[in-house]
């Protein structure tokens, strides 16, 4: 169950929507940056270790 934030409840609907959209964009940007970082790290490893390392770290995802 999401936590209720009284300060957000006081925002006008359009500002609350803008905040929600900004948070969604921030989460997406963070996920993209993390994915790029992981890919960069994997490319730095020797080829034979890449698949094994990825499987150990991320369960083969």
PDB file of N, CA and C in Angstrom:
ATOM      1  N   UNK A   1       0.848  -1.181   0.000  1.00  0.00           N
ATOM      2  CA  UNK A   1       0.000   0.000   0.000  1.00  0.00           C
ATOM      3  C   UNK A   1       0.894   1.244   0.000  1.00  0.00           C
ATOM      4  N   UNK A   2       0.670   2.169  -0.930  1.00  0.00           N
ATOM      5  CA  UNK A   2       1.512   3.366  -1.006  1.00  0.00           C
ATOM      6  C   UNK A   2       1.301   4.275   0.207  1.00  0.00           C
ATOM      7  N   UNK A   3       2.364   4.905   0.563  1.00  0.00           N
ATOM      8  CA  UNK A   3       2.319   5.827   1.694  1.00  0.00           C
ATOM      9  C   UNK A   3       1.632   7.116   1.261  1.00  0.00           C
ATOM     10  N   UNK A   4       0.819   7.680   2.133  1.00  0.00           N
ATOM     11  CA  UNK A   4       0.117   8.922   1.843  1.00  0.00           C
ATOM     12  C   UNK A   4       1.026  10.090   2.223  1.00  0.00           C
ATOM     13  N   UNK A   5       1.159  11.036   1.288  1.00  0.00           N
ATOM     14  CA  UNK A   5       1.980  12.212   1.533  1.00  0.00           C
ATOM     15  C   UNK A   5       1.070  13.431   1.597  1.00  0.00           C
ATOM     16  N   UNK A   6       0.839  13.968   2.805  1.00  0.00           N
ATOM     17  CA  UNK A   6      -0.076  15.097   2.955  1.00  0.00           C
ATOM     18  C   UNK A   6       0.274  16.294   2.068  1.00  0.00           C
ATOM     19  N   UNK A   7       1.548  16.549   1.868  1.00  0.00           N
ATOM     20  CA  UNK A   7       1.926  17.697   1.045  1.00  0.00           C
ATOM     21  C   UNK A   7       1.484  17.518  -0.404  1.00  0.00           C
ATOM     22  N   UNK A   8       1.513  16.290  -0.906  1.00  0.00           N
ATOM     23  CA  UNK A   8       1.071  16.032  -2.276  1.00  0.00           C
ATOM     24  C   UNK A   8      -0.447  16.162  -2.366  1.00  0.00           C
ATOM     25  N   UNK A   9      -1.143  15.752  -1.330  1.00  0.00           N
ATOM     26  CA  UNK A   9      -2.601  15.858  -1.331  1.00  0.00           C
ATOM     27  C   UNK A   9      -3.061  17.307  -1.412  1.00  0.00           C
ATOM     28  N   UNK A  10      -2.234  18.236  -0.955  1.00  0.00           N
ATOM     29  CA  UNK A  10      -2.595  19.658  -0.968  1.00  0.00           C
ATOM     30  C   UNK A  10      -2.333  20.332  -2.309  1.00  0.00           C
ATOM     31  N   UNK A  11      -1.616  19.657  -3.184  1.00  0.00           N
ATOM     32  CA  UNK A  11      -1.317  20.248  -4.491  1.00  0.00           C
ATOM     33  C   UNK A  11      -2.558  20.276  -5.374  1.00  0.00           C
ATOM     34  N   UNK A  12      -2.661  21.309  -6.208  1.00  0.00           N
ATOM     35  CA  UNK A  12      -3.733  21.281  -7.211  1.00  0.00           C
ATOM     36  C   UNK A  12      -3.523  20.079  -8.139  1.00  0.00           C
ATOM     37  N   UNK A  13      -4.565  19.606  -8.743  1.00  0.00           N
ATOM     38  CA  UNK A  13      -4.522  18.393  -9.568  1.00  0.00           C
ATOM     39  C   UNK A  13      -3.483  18.489 -10.680  1.00  0.00           C
ATOM     40  N   UNK A  14      -3.387  19.643 -11.351  1.00  0.00           N
ATOM     41  CA  UNK A  14      -2.437  19.762 -12.455  1.00  0.00           C
ATOM     42  C   UNK A  14      -0.995  19.704 -11.964  1.00  0.00           C
ATOM     43  N   UNK A  15      -0.728  20.281 -10.798  1.00  0.00           N
ATOM     44  CA  UNK A  15       0.626  20.226 -10.243  1.00  0.00           C
ATOM     45  C   UNK A  15       0.959  18.820  -9.746  1.00  0.00           C
ATOM     46  N   UNK A  16      -0.003  18.140  -9.161  1.00  0.00           N
ATOM     47  CA  UNK A  16       0.212  16.760  -8.711  1.00  0.00           C
ATOM     48  C   UNK A  16       0.503  15.862  -9.916  1.00  0.00           C
ATOM     49  N   UNK A  17      -0.229  16.081 -11.025  1.00  0.00           N
ATOM     50  CA  UNK A  17       0.010  15.306 -12.246  1.00  0.00           C
ATOM     51  C   UNK A  17       1.407  15.579 -12.789  1.00  0.00           C
ATOM     52  N   UNK A  18       1.807  16.862 -12.796  1.00  0.00           N
ATOM     53  CA  UNK A  18       3.153  17.216 -13.262  1.00  0.00           C
ATOM     54  C   UNK A  18       4.228  16.545 -12.404  1.00  0.00           C
ATOM     55  N   UNK A  19       4.032  16.566 -11.097  1.00  0.00           N
ATOM     56  CA  UNK A  19       4.981  15.933 -10.187  1.00  0.00           C
ATOM     57  C   UNK A  19       5.063  14.433 -10.448  1.00  0.00           C
ATOM     58  N   UNK A  20       3.912  13.800 -10.637  1.00  0.00           N
ATOM     59  CA  UNK A  20       3.865  12.373 -10.924  1.00  0.00           C
ATOM     60  C   UNK A  20       4.615  12.067 -12.222  1.00  0.00           C
ATOM     61  N   UNK A  21       4.390  12.885 -13.245  1.00  0.00           N
ATOM     62  CA  UNK A  21       5.064  12.677 -14.530  1.00  0.00           C
ATOM     63  C   UNK A  21       6.573  12.885 -14.407  1.00  0.00           C
ATOM     64  N   UNK A  22       6.983  13.896 -13.632  1.00  0.00           N
ATOM     65  CA  UNK A  22       8.421  14.127 -13.416  1.00  0.00           C
ATOM     66  C   UNK A  22       9.069  12.963 -12.684  1.00  0.00           C
ATOM     67  N   UNK A  23       8.383  12.427 -11.689  1.00  0.00           N
ATOM     68  CA  UNK A  23       8.927  11.283 -10.957  1.00  0.00           C
ATOM     69  C   UNK A  23       9.036  10.062 -11.872  1.00  0.00           C
ATOM     70  N   UNK A  24       8.041   9.864 -12.714  1.00  0.00           N
ATOM     71  CA  UNK A  24       8.090   8.757 -13.665  1.00  0.00           C
ATOM     72  C   UNK A  24       9.258   8.903 -14.626  1.00  0.00           C
ATOM     73  N   UNK A  25       9.477  10.134 -15.106  1.00  0.00           N
ATOM     74  CA  UNK A  25      10.596  10.390 -16.013  1.00  0.00           C
ATOM     75  C   UNK A  25      11.933  10.170 -15.307  1.00  0.00           C
ATOM     76  N   UNK A  26      12.010  10.571 -14.047  1.00  0.00           N
ATOM     77  CA  UNK A  26      13.250  10.384 -13.285  1.00  0.00           C
ATOM     78  C   UNK A  26      13.552   8.903 -13.086  1.00  0.00           C
ATOM     79  N   UNK A  27      12.535   8.118 -12.798  1.00  0.00           N
ATOM     80  CA  UNK A  27      12.721   6.671 -12.622  1.00  0.00           C
ATOM     81  C   UNK A  27      13.188   6.042 -13.934  1.00  0.00           C
ATOM     82  N   UNK A  28      12.578   6.452 -15.043  1.00  0.00           N
ATOM     83  CA  UNK A  28      12.972   5.913 -16.345  1.00  0.00           C
ATOM     84  C   UNK A  28      14.407   6.296 -16.688  1.00  0.00           C
ATOM     85  N   UNK A  29      14.779   7.549 -16.410  1.00  0.00           N
ATOM     86  CA  UNK A  29      16.148   8.006 -16.669  1.00  0.00           C
ATOM     87  C   UNK A  29      17.150   7.238 -15.816  1.00  0.00           C
ATOM     88  N   UNK A  30      16.802   7.010 -14.558  1.00  0.00           N
ATOM     89  CA  UNK A  30      17.677   6.253 -13.669  1.00  0.00           C
ATOM     90  C   UNK A  30      17.867   4.821 -14.174  1.00  0.00           C
ATOM     91  N   UNK A  31      16.787   4.194 -14.624  1.00  0.00           N
ATOM     92  CA  UNK A  31      16.869   2.829 -15.139  1.00  0.00           C
ATOM     93  C   UNK A  31      17.740   2.772 -16.386  1.00  0.00           C
ATOM     94  N   UNK A  32      17.592   3.752 -17.264  1.00  0.00           N
ATOM     95  CA  UNK A  32      18.398   3.808 -18.483  1.00  0.00           C
ATOM     96  C   UNK A  32      19.871   3.997 -18.151  1.00  0.00           C
ATOM     97  N   UNK A  33      20.159   4.905 -17.210  1.00  0.00           N
ATOM     98  CA  UNK A  33      21.548   5.154 -16.821  1.00  0.00           C
ATOM     99  C   UNK A  33      22.171   3.907 -16.194  1.00  0.00           C
ATOM    100  N   UNK A  34      21.408   3.208 -15.365  1.00  0.00           N
ATOM    101  CA  UNK A  34      21.916   1.982 -14.735  1.00  0.00           C
ATOM    102  C   UNK A  34      22.191   0.915 -15.794  1.00  0.00           C
ATOM    103  N   UNK A  35      21.283   0.783 -16.743  1.00  0.00           N
ATOM    104  CA  UNK A  35      21.467  -0.201 -17.812  1.00  0.00           C
ATOM    105  C   UNK A  35      22.718   0.104 -18.638  1.00  0.00           C
ATOM    106  N   UNK A  36      22.925   1.369 -18.963  1.00  0.00           N
ATOM    107  CA  UNK A  36      24.126   1.762 -19.712  1.00  0.00           C
ATOM    108  C   UNK A  36      25.390   1.494 -18.909  1.00  0.00           C
ATOM    109  N   UNK A  37      25.330   1.761 -17.617  1.00  0.00           N
ATOM    110  CA  UNK A  37      26.479   1.519 -16.751  1.00  0.00           C
ATOM    111  C   UNK A  37      26.823   0.033 -16.685  1.00  0.00           C
ATOM    112  N   UNK A  38      25.804  -0.792 -16.542  1.00  0.00           N
ATOM    113  CA  UNK A  38      26.021  -2.242 -16.491  1.00  0.00           C
ATOM    114  C   UNK A  38      26.587  -2.741 -17.809  1.00  0.00           C
ATOM    115  N   UNK A  39      26.024  -2.264 -18.927  1.00  0.00           N
ATOM    116  CA  UNK A  39      26.530  -2.673 -20.243  1.00  0.00           C
ATOM    117  C   UNK A  39      27.990  -2.270 -20.415  1.00  0.00           C
ATOM    118  N   UNK A  40      28.333  -1.076 -19.950  1.00  0.00           N
ATOM    119  CA  UNK A  40      29.716  -0.595 -20.046  1.00  0.00           C
ATOM    120  C   UNK A  40      30.654  -1.476 -19.225  1.00  0.00           C
ATOM    121  N   UNK A  41      30.209  -1.849 -18.036  1.00  0.00           N
ATOM    122  CA  UNK A  41      31.019  -2.710 -17.185  1.00  0.00           C
ATOM    123  C   UNK A  41      31.224  -4.070 -17.831  1.00  0.00           C
ATOM    124  N   UNK A  42      30.158  -4.609 -18.419  1.00  0.00           N
ATOM    125  CA  UNK A  42      30.246  -5.922 -19.054  1.00  0.00           C
ATOM    126  C   UNK A  42      31.200  -5.892 -20.246  1.00  0.00           C
ATOM    127  N   UNK A  43      31.191  -4.809 -21.011  1.00  0.00           N
ATOM    128  CA  UNK A  43      32.095  -4.708 -22.166  1.00  0.00           C
ATOM    129  C   UNK A  43      33.559  -4.630 -21.728  1.00  0.00           C
ATOM    130  N   UNK A  44      33.810  -4.200 -20.498  1.00  0.00           N
ATOM    131  CA  UNK A  44      35.181  -4.098 -19.996  1.00  0.00           C
ATOM    132  C   UNK A  44      35.749  -5.467 -19.620  1.00  0.00           C
ATOM    133  N   UNK A  45      34.862  -6.444 -19.418  1.00  0.00           N
ATOM    134  CA  UNK A  45      35.319  -7.787 -19.056  1.00  0.00           C
ATOM    135  C   UNK A  45      35.751  -8.558 -20.299  1.00  0.00           C
ATOM    136  N   UNK A  46      36.665  -9.505 -20.123  1.00  0.00           N
ATOM    137  CA  UNK A  46      37.008 -10.383 -21.252  1.00  0.00           C
ATOM    138  C   UNK A  46      35.760 -11.164 -21.686  1.00  0.00           C
ATOM    139  N   UNK A  47      35.624 -11.396 -22.970  1.00  0.00           N
ATOM    140  CA  UNK A  47      34.435 -12.040 -23.534  1.00  0.00           C
ATOM    141  C   UNK A  47      34.032 -13.336 -22.817  1.00  0.00           C
ATOM    142  N   UNK A  48      34.950 -14.234 -22.490  1.00  0.00           N
ATOM    143  CA  UNK A  48      34.518 -15.482 -21.842  1.00  0.00           C
ATOM    144  C   UNK A  48      33.868 -15.272 -20.466  1.00  0.00           C
ATOM    145  N   UNK A  49      34.155 -14.177 -19.821  1.00  0.00           N
ATOM    146  CA  UNK A  49      33.602 -13.938 -18.486  1.00  0.00           C
ATOM    147  C   UNK A  49      32.272 -13.186 -18.501  1.00  0.00           C
ATOM    148  N   UNK A  50      31.910 -12.578 -19.603  1.00  0.00           N
ATOM    149  CA  UNK A  50      30.721 -11.726 -19.652  1.00  0.00           C
ATOM    150  C   UNK A  50      29.441 -12.472 -19.302  1.00  0.00           C
ATOM    151  N   UNK A  51      29.171 -13.572 -19.976  1.00  0.00           N
ATOM    152  CA  UNK A  51      27.920 -14.307 -19.753  1.00  0.00           C
ATOM    153  C   UNK A  51      27.841 -14.852 -18.331  1.00  0.00           C
ATOM    154  N   UNK A  52      28.940 -15.406 -17.860  1.00  0.00           N
ATOM    155  CA  UNK A  52      28.969 -15.967 -16.507  1.00  0.00           C
ATOM    156  C   UNK A  52      28.750 -14.876 -15.476  1.00  0.00           C
ATOM    157  N   UNK A  53      29.425 -13.760 -15.642  1.00  0.00           N
ATOM    158  CA  UNK A  53      29.300 -12.649 -14.699  1.00  0.00           C
ATOM    159  C   UNK A  53      27.880 -12.115 -14.685  1.00  0.00           C
ATOM    160  N   UNK A  54      27.302 -11.934 -15.852  1.00  0.00           N
ATOM    161  CA  UNK A  54      25.936 -11.422 -15.936  1.00  0.00           C
ATOM    162  C   UNK A  54      24.961 -12.388 -15.275  1.00  0.00           C
ATOM    163  N   UNK A  55      25.163 -13.691 -15.498  1.00  0.00           N
ATOM    164  CA  UNK A  55      24.275 -14.681 -14.897  1.00  0.00           C
ATOM    165  C   UNK A  55      24.394 -14.665 -13.374  1.00  0.00           C
ATOM    166  N   UNK A  56      25.618 -14.554 -12.859  1.00  0.00           N
ATOM    167  CA  UNK A  56      25.818 -14.512 -11.413  1.00  0.00           C
ATOM    168  C   UNK A  56      25.199 -13.253 -10.819  1.00  0.00           C
ATOM    169  N   UNK A  57      25.436 -12.117 -11.467  1.00  0.00           N
ATOM    170  CA  UNK A  57      24.974 -10.835 -10.918  1.00  0.00           C
ATOM    171  C   UNK A  57      23.469 -10.622 -11.072  1.00  0.00           C
ATOM    172  N   UNK A  58      22.915 -11.064 -12.199  1.00  0.00           N
ATOM    173  CA  UNK A  58      21.529 -10.705 -12.517  1.00  0.00           C
ATOM    174  C   UNK A  58      20.633 -11.914 -12.790  1.00  0.00           C
ATOM    175  N   UNK A  59      21.116 -13.081 -12.538  1.00  0.00           N
ATOM    176  CA  UNK A  59      20.292 -14.266 -12.734  1.00  0.00           C
ATOM    177  C   UNK A  59      19.989 -14.564 -14.194  1.00  0.00           C
ATOM    178  N   UNK A  60      20.866 -14.162 -15.091  1.00  0.00           N
ATOM    179  CA  UNK A  60      20.679 -14.451 -16.503  1.00  0.00           C
ATOM    180  C   UNK A  60      19.722 -13.532 -17.228  1.00  0.00           C
ATOM    181  N   UNK A  61      19.340 -12.440 -16.601  1.00  0.00           N
ATOM    182  CA  UNK A  61      18.417 -11.496 -17.262  1.00  0.00           C
ATOM    183  C   UNK A  61      19.089 -10.715 -18.331  1.00  0.00           C
TER     184      UNK A  61
END
